N, C-alpha and C. Protein backbone atom coordinates (compact mmCIF):
# COMPACT_ATOMS: atom_id res chain seq x y z
N MET A 1 -55.24 -18.54 -81.02
CA MET A 1 -55.37 -19.94 -80.20
C MET A 1 -54.15 -20.40 -80.82
N TYR A 2 -53.70 -19.91 -81.75
CA TYR A 2 -52.46 -20.61 -81.91
C TYR A 2 -51.09 -20.29 -80.72
N GLN A 3 -51.49 -18.90 -80.12
CA GLN A 3 -50.82 -18.38 -79.14
C GLN A 3 -50.62 -19.39 -77.84
N LEU A 4 -51.88 -19.83 -77.71
CA LEU A 4 -51.92 -20.77 -76.26
C LEU A 4 -51.47 -21.86 -76.52
N ASN A 5 -51.94 -22.89 -77.53
CA ASN A 5 -50.72 -23.96 -77.47
C ASN A 5 -49.43 -23.91 -77.50
N ASN A 6 -49.03 -22.82 -78.24
CA ASN A 6 -47.65 -22.73 -78.43
C ASN A 6 -46.95 -22.21 -76.56
N LYS A 7 -47.55 -21.28 -75.95
CA LYS A 7 -47.49 -21.37 -74.44
C LYS A 7 -47.39 -22.58 -73.63
N GLY A 8 -48.34 -23.49 -73.99
CA GLY A 8 -49.03 -24.61 -73.18
C GLY A 8 -47.59 -25.68 -73.33
N GLN A 9 -47.18 -25.50 -74.80
CA GLN A 9 -46.10 -26.61 -75.41
C GLN A 9 -44.83 -26.07 -74.62
N THR A 10 -44.28 -24.92 -74.56
CA THR A 10 -43.00 -24.48 -73.99
C THR A 10 -43.37 -24.71 -72.31
N SER A 11 -44.37 -24.55 -71.70
CA SER A 11 -44.44 -24.71 -70.27
C SER A 11 -44.13 -26.43 -70.04
N ILE A 12 -44.81 -27.30 -70.74
CA ILE A 12 -44.79 -28.72 -70.60
C ILE A 12 -43.50 -28.87 -70.77
N GLU A 13 -42.61 -28.41 -71.89
CA GLU A 13 -41.20 -28.75 -72.19
C GLU A 13 -40.55 -28.32 -71.19
N PHE A 14 -40.81 -27.02 -70.23
CA PHE A 14 -39.94 -26.70 -69.48
C PHE A 14 -40.21 -27.82 -67.66
N VAL A 15 -41.13 -27.98 -67.87
CA VAL A 15 -41.45 -29.09 -66.67
C VAL A 15 -40.97 -30.23 -67.04
N ILE A 16 -40.83 -30.84 -68.22
CA ILE A 16 -40.31 -31.86 -68.56
C ILE A 16 -38.47 -32.17 -68.11
N ILE A 17 -38.19 -30.78 -68.39
CA ILE A 17 -36.74 -30.46 -68.34
C ILE A 17 -36.52 -30.51 -66.95
N ILE A 18 -37.42 -29.62 -66.23
CA ILE A 18 -36.76 -29.62 -64.67
C ILE A 18 -36.96 -30.83 -63.99
N ALA A 19 -37.91 -31.70 -64.74
CA ALA A 19 -38.18 -33.42 -64.00
C ALA A 19 -36.89 -33.75 -64.15
N ILE A 20 -36.37 -33.88 -65.45
CA ILE A 20 -35.22 -34.43 -65.60
C ILE A 20 -34.26 -34.45 -64.80
N ILE A 21 -33.59 -33.12 -64.89
CA ILE A 21 -32.77 -32.67 -63.86
C ILE A 21 -32.97 -33.01 -62.48
N LEU A 22 -34.16 -33.13 -61.84
CA LEU A 22 -34.46 -33.23 -60.26
C LEU A 22 -33.78 -34.63 -60.50
N LEU A 23 -34.56 -35.61 -61.24
CA LEU A 23 -34.15 -37.02 -61.43
C LEU A 23 -32.79 -37.29 -61.33
N ILE A 24 -31.82 -36.55 -62.29
CA ILE A 24 -30.31 -36.61 -62.04
C ILE A 24 -29.65 -36.39 -60.88
N THR A 25 -29.87 -35.33 -60.33
CA THR A 25 -29.52 -35.00 -58.97
C THR A 25 -29.73 -35.63 -58.32
N ILE A 26 -31.43 -35.86 -58.05
CA ILE A 26 -31.35 -37.41 -57.15
C ILE A 26 -30.54 -38.46 -57.08
N LEU A 27 -30.53 -39.04 -58.28
CA LEU A 27 -29.27 -40.08 -58.58
C LEU A 27 -27.70 -39.97 -57.89
N PHE A 28 -27.57 -38.94 -58.73
CA PHE A 28 -25.90 -38.24 -57.96
C PHE A 28 -25.97 -38.17 -56.62
N MET A 29 -26.67 -37.59 -55.97
CA MET A 29 -26.76 -37.46 -54.48
C MET A 29 -27.00 -38.89 -53.62
N SER A 30 -27.57 -39.70 -54.46
CA SER A 30 -27.78 -41.01 -54.07
C SER A 30 -26.84 -42.10 -54.02
N THR A 31 -25.88 -42.00 -55.01
CA THR A 31 -24.61 -42.65 -54.93
C THR A 31 -23.87 -41.78 -54.29
N LEU A 32 -23.62 -40.31 -54.40
CA LEU A 32 -22.55 -39.51 -53.65
C LEU A 32 -22.34 -40.03 -51.86
N TYR A 33 -23.44 -40.12 -51.52
CA TYR A 33 -23.80 -40.48 -50.11
C TYR A 33 -24.08 -41.79 -49.37
N SER A 34 -24.30 -42.56 -50.69
CA SER A 34 -24.31 -44.04 -50.50
C SER A 34 -25.49 -44.25 -49.17
N THR A 35 -26.77 -43.63 -49.59
CA THR A 35 -27.82 -43.45 -48.21
C THR A 35 -28.67 -45.07 -48.81
N ASN A 36 -28.65 -45.34 -49.89
CA ASN A 36 -29.55 -46.73 -50.09
C ASN A 36 -28.77 -47.75 -49.45
N ASP A 37 -27.32 -48.01 -49.59
CA ASP A 37 -26.52 -48.88 -49.01
C ASP A 37 -26.30 -48.93 -47.65
N ILE A 38 -26.61 -47.77 -46.96
CA ILE A 38 -26.57 -47.62 -45.41
C ILE A 38 -28.41 -48.14 -45.10
N ASN A 39 -29.27 -47.69 -45.97
CA ASN A 39 -30.92 -48.14 -45.60
C ASN A 39 -31.11 -49.22 -45.54
N THR A 40 -30.31 -50.07 -46.57
CA THR A 40 -30.40 -51.24 -47.06
C THR A 40 -29.66 -52.53 -46.05
N CYS A 41 -28.53 -51.84 -45.25
CA CYS A 41 -28.22 -52.49 -44.02
C CYS A 41 -28.71 -52.55 -42.63
N ILE A 42 -29.32 -51.20 -42.47
CA ILE A 42 -29.89 -51.34 -41.02
C ILE A 42 -31.03 -51.87 -41.46
N TYR A 43 -32.21 -51.51 -42.49
CA TYR A 43 -33.38 -52.75 -42.86
C TYR A 43 -33.06 -54.00 -42.68
N THR A 44 -31.93 -54.81 -43.26
CA THR A 44 -31.60 -55.81 -43.55
C THR A 44 -31.21 -56.12 -41.73
N ILE A 45 -30.62 -55.76 -41.39
CA ILE A 45 -30.33 -55.99 -39.87
C ILE A 45 -31.00 -56.18 -38.93
N LYS A 46 -32.06 -55.00 -39.01
CA LYS A 46 -33.41 -54.94 -37.92
C LYS A 46 -34.35 -56.07 -38.06
N GLU A 47 -34.39 -56.57 -39.53
CA GLU A 47 -35.25 -57.20 -40.11
C GLU A 47 -34.54 -59.12 -39.34
N THR A 48 -33.34 -59.37 -39.33
CA THR A 48 -32.89 -60.44 -39.11
C THR A 48 -33.02 -60.39 -37.23
N THR A 49 -32.62 -59.28 -36.61
CA THR A 49 -33.00 -59.45 -35.28
C THR A 49 -34.34 -59.58 -34.85
N LEU A 50 -35.38 -59.01 -35.51
CA LEU A 50 -36.63 -59.34 -35.14
C LEU A 50 -36.88 -60.29 -35.41
N GLN A 51 -36.76 -61.55 -36.46
CA GLN A 51 -37.33 -62.88 -36.78
C GLN A 51 -36.24 -63.37 -35.76
N LEU A 52 -34.96 -63.19 -35.11
CA LEU A 52 -34.25 -64.03 -34.35
C LEU A 52 -34.99 -64.33 -32.88
N ILE A 53 -35.31 -62.81 -32.37
CA ILE A 53 -35.96 -62.52 -31.14
C ILE A 53 -37.13 -63.35 -31.20
N THR A 54 -38.09 -63.45 -32.38
CA THR A 54 -38.90 -64.51 -32.65
C THR A 54 -39.10 -66.00 -32.54
N LEU A 55 -37.82 -65.97 -33.20
CA LEU A 55 -37.38 -67.51 -33.27
C LEU A 55 -36.99 -68.09 -32.06
N TYR A 56 -36.60 -67.40 -31.31
CA TYR A 56 -36.18 -68.14 -30.15
C TYR A 56 -37.02 -67.87 -28.73
N ASP A 57 -38.07 -66.82 -29.16
CA ASP A 57 -38.88 -66.41 -27.77
C ASP A 57 -38.63 -65.78 -27.08
N SER A 58 -37.78 -65.08 -27.36
CA SER A 58 -36.95 -64.11 -26.33
C SER A 58 -37.67 -63.19 -25.82
N PRO A 59 -37.73 -62.87 -24.32
CA PRO A 59 -37.71 -61.63 -23.86
C PRO A 59 -36.85 -60.61 -23.88
N ILE A 60 -36.98 -60.30 -25.16
CA ILE A 60 -36.10 -59.02 -25.59
C ILE A 60 -36.71 -58.07 -26.52
N ILE A 61 -36.38 -56.86 -26.29
CA ILE A 61 -36.85 -55.61 -26.98
C ILE A 61 -35.58 -55.06 -27.45
N LEU A 62 -35.86 -54.85 -29.05
CA LEU A 62 -35.11 -53.88 -29.71
C LEU A 62 -35.27 -52.69 -29.53
N LYS A 63 -34.24 -52.37 -29.05
CA LYS A 63 -34.30 -50.64 -28.33
C LYS A 63 -34.19 -49.72 -29.55
N ASN A 64 -32.62 -49.73 -30.35
CA ASN A 64 -32.81 -49.09 -31.32
C ASN A 64 -31.23 -49.53 -31.97
N ILE A 65 -31.13 -48.69 -33.06
CA ILE A 65 -30.25 -49.37 -34.01
C ILE A 65 -28.85 -48.18 -34.59
N ASN A 66 -28.16 -48.33 -33.93
CA ASN A 66 -26.93 -47.03 -34.17
C ASN A 66 -25.82 -47.37 -35.33
N TYR A 67 -25.35 -46.56 -36.30
CA TYR A 67 -24.42 -46.92 -36.97
C TYR A 67 -23.17 -46.06 -37.15
N SER A 68 -21.99 -46.10 -37.84
CA SER A 68 -21.57 -45.43 -38.10
C SER A 68 -20.41 -45.98 -39.19
N THR A 69 -20.25 -45.12 -40.28
CA THR A 69 -19.85 -45.40 -41.63
C THR A 69 -18.24 -44.50 -41.63
N ILE A 70 -16.99 -45.47 -42.55
CA ILE A 70 -15.78 -45.06 -42.59
C ILE A 70 -15.43 -45.43 -43.60
N ASP A 71 -15.65 -44.85 -45.20
CA ASP A 71 -15.64 -45.25 -46.52
C ASP A 71 -16.34 -46.70 -46.76
N LYS A 72 -15.76 -47.57 -46.64
CA LYS A 72 -16.45 -49.07 -46.95
C LYS A 72 -17.01 -49.93 -45.77
N ASN A 73 -16.44 -49.30 -44.80
CA ASN A 73 -16.98 -50.29 -43.65
C ASN A 73 -17.80 -49.39 -43.09
N ILE A 74 -18.90 -50.52 -42.24
CA ILE A 74 -20.12 -50.04 -41.24
C ILE A 74 -19.81 -50.57 -40.25
N ASP A 75 -19.98 -49.69 -38.92
CA ASP A 75 -20.14 -50.52 -37.47
C ASP A 75 -21.66 -50.36 -37.13
N ILE A 76 -22.18 -51.21 -36.88
CA ILE A 76 -23.92 -51.48 -36.59
C ILE A 76 -24.05 -51.70 -34.86
N GLN A 77 -24.62 -51.06 -34.09
CA GLN A 77 -24.36 -51.31 -32.68
C GLN A 77 -26.32 -51.62 -32.50
N ILE A 78 -26.64 -52.63 -32.15
CA ILE A 78 -27.73 -53.02 -31.83
C ILE A 78 -28.05 -52.88 -30.33
N ASN A 79 -28.79 -52.34 -29.84
CA ASN A 79 -29.34 -52.10 -28.21
C ASN A 79 -30.47 -52.95 -28.09
N LEU A 80 -30.22 -54.09 -27.43
CA LEU A 80 -31.34 -54.88 -26.93
C LEU A 80 -31.68 -54.52 -25.33
N GLN A 81 -32.89 -54.85 -25.08
CA GLN A 81 -33.45 -54.71 -23.69
C GLN A 81 -33.79 -56.07 -23.27
N GLN A 82 -33.43 -56.63 -22.12
CA GLN A 82 -33.70 -57.70 -21.71
C GLN A 82 -34.73 -57.56 -20.60
N ILE A 83 -35.73 -58.45 -20.68
CA ILE A 83 -36.93 -58.14 -19.93
C ILE A 83 -37.19 -59.74 -18.76
N ASN A 84 -36.78 -59.13 -17.53
CA ASN A 84 -36.61 -60.34 -16.55
C ASN A 84 -35.91 -61.64 -16.78
N THR A 85 -34.44 -61.36 -17.36
CA THR A 85 -33.88 -62.30 -17.64
C THR A 85 -32.15 -61.98 -17.82
N ASN A 86 -31.64 -62.77 -17.55
CA ASN A 86 -30.02 -62.37 -18.05
C ASN A 86 -29.55 -63.07 -19.04
N GLU A 87 -30.41 -63.92 -19.82
CA GLU A 87 -29.83 -64.74 -20.66
C GLU A 87 -29.74 -63.66 -22.08
N GLU A 88 -28.21 -64.46 -23.07
CA GLU A 88 -28.25 -63.69 -23.89
C GLU A 88 -28.30 -64.61 -25.49
N PRO A 89 -29.44 -64.77 -25.82
CA PRO A 89 -29.65 -65.65 -27.18
C PRO A 89 -28.91 -64.94 -28.30
N LEU A 90 -28.56 -63.99 -28.55
CA LEU A 90 -28.28 -63.76 -29.84
C LEU A 90 -27.02 -63.25 -29.76
N SER A 91 -26.20 -63.80 -30.81
CA SER A 91 -24.89 -63.47 -31.08
C SER A 91 -24.50 -63.17 -32.19
N TYR A 92 -22.90 -62.85 -32.42
CA TYR A 92 -22.88 -62.22 -34.05
C TYR A 92 -23.00 -63.29 -34.36
N ASN A 93 -22.54 -64.39 -34.56
CA ASN A 93 -23.11 -65.82 -35.33
C ASN A 93 -23.93 -65.71 -36.04
N ASN A 94 -25.15 -65.52 -35.07
CA ASN A 94 -26.42 -65.17 -35.77
C ASN A 94 -26.78 -64.24 -37.03
N TYR A 95 -25.61 -63.56 -37.24
CA TYR A 95 -25.72 -62.77 -38.45
C TYR A 95 -25.01 -62.79 -39.60
N THR A 96 -24.08 -64.14 -39.50
CA THR A 96 -23.26 -64.20 -40.90
C THR A 96 -23.70 -64.32 -41.98
N GLU A 97 -24.89 -65.00 -42.04
CA GLU A 97 -25.47 -65.00 -43.40
C GLU A 97 -26.07 -63.91 -43.66
N ALA A 98 -26.82 -63.01 -43.08
CA ALA A 98 -27.08 -61.23 -43.37
C ALA A 98 -25.78 -60.75 -43.85
N ILE A 99 -24.80 -60.88 -43.10
CA ILE A 99 -23.66 -60.31 -43.47
C ILE A 99 -23.11 -60.56 -44.79
N GLN A 100 -22.90 -61.94 -44.96
CA GLN A 100 -22.62 -62.01 -46.50
C GLN A 100 -23.50 -61.66 -47.53
N GLN A 101 -24.85 -61.74 -47.06
CA GLN A 101 -26.18 -61.07 -48.51
C GLN A 101 -25.23 -59.51 -48.47
N LEU A 102 -25.24 -58.72 -47.86
CA LEU A 102 -25.27 -57.38 -47.53
C LEU A 102 -23.90 -56.90 -48.15
N LYS A 103 -22.57 -57.90 -48.09
CA LYS A 103 -21.21 -57.75 -48.56
C LYS A 103 -21.58 -57.55 -49.96
N GLY A 104 -22.46 -58.67 -50.55
CA GLY A 104 -22.72 -58.95 -51.91
C GLY A 104 -23.59 -58.07 -52.71
N THR A 105 -24.40 -57.22 -51.86
CA THR A 105 -25.65 -56.42 -52.57
C THR A 105 -24.90 -55.04 -52.02
N THR A 106 -24.06 -54.34 -51.23
CA THR A 106 -23.57 -52.79 -50.90
C THR A 106 -22.53 -52.99 -51.46
N LYS A 107 -22.00 -51.51 -51.02
CA LYS A 107 -20.50 -51.34 -51.40
C LYS A 107 -19.68 -51.59 -50.04
N PHE A 108 -20.38 -51.97 -48.90
CA PHE A 108 -19.80 -52.07 -47.77
C PHE A 108 -18.93 -53.20 -48.13
N ASN A 109 -17.51 -53.44 -47.46
CA ASN A 109 -16.42 -54.33 -47.48
C ASN A 109 -16.46 -55.25 -46.07
N ASN A 110 -16.58 -54.09 -45.02
CA ASN A 110 -16.41 -54.94 -43.63
C ASN A 110 -18.03 -54.34 -43.03
N ILE A 111 -18.59 -55.32 -42.35
CA ILE A 111 -19.67 -55.13 -41.47
C ILE A 111 -19.37 -55.56 -40.08
N ASN A 112 -19.34 -54.79 -39.44
CA ASN A 112 -18.91 -55.06 -37.53
C ASN A 112 -20.44 -54.96 -37.01
N ILE A 113 -20.96 -55.92 -36.23
CA ILE A 113 -21.93 -55.88 -35.78
C ILE A 113 -21.57 -56.02 -34.15
N THR A 114 -22.54 -55.33 -33.16
CA THR A 114 -21.67 -54.98 -31.81
C THR A 114 -23.52 -55.53 -31.49
N LEU A 115 -23.74 -56.15 -30.37
CA LEU A 115 -24.96 -56.52 -29.84
C LEU A 115 -24.44 -55.88 -28.25
N ASN A 116 -25.66 -54.97 -27.79
CA ASN A 116 -25.13 -54.39 -26.43
C ASN A 116 -26.73 -55.03 -25.72
N TYR A 117 -27.05 -55.56 -24.91
CA TYR A 117 -27.74 -55.65 -23.76
C TYR A 117 -28.02 -54.98 -22.55
N LEU A 118 -29.24 -53.80 -22.56
CA LEU A 118 -29.38 -53.40 -21.48
C LEU A 118 -30.26 -54.04 -20.54
N HIS A 119 -30.05 -53.77 -19.08
CA HIS A 119 -30.67 -54.63 -17.97
C HIS A 119 -31.81 -53.59 -17.51
């Protein structure tokens, strides 16, 4: 009976050590590749775009968002499809508040946004 408890104790300690190593690895990789900052930027820009489309009641569809990063710079390309209109209600100026917020909460110092209207 004493042997079973000892083996059980050893395996629990082993699982805890593996879990701690995995947690440290995930945190290290997250900071190394900064995927959290990229996801934060993309999510914030997507949310802002959808809010602006709703606010202006625009006949526009958000097709996709592409990005590229170099060091502390991120370039975000927003592709919008117009439906039966040629107006372009969204502009870079609509994103100034979101960009300032992202500069304070992410590692990026330079955030560039390009709006592409597809007809």
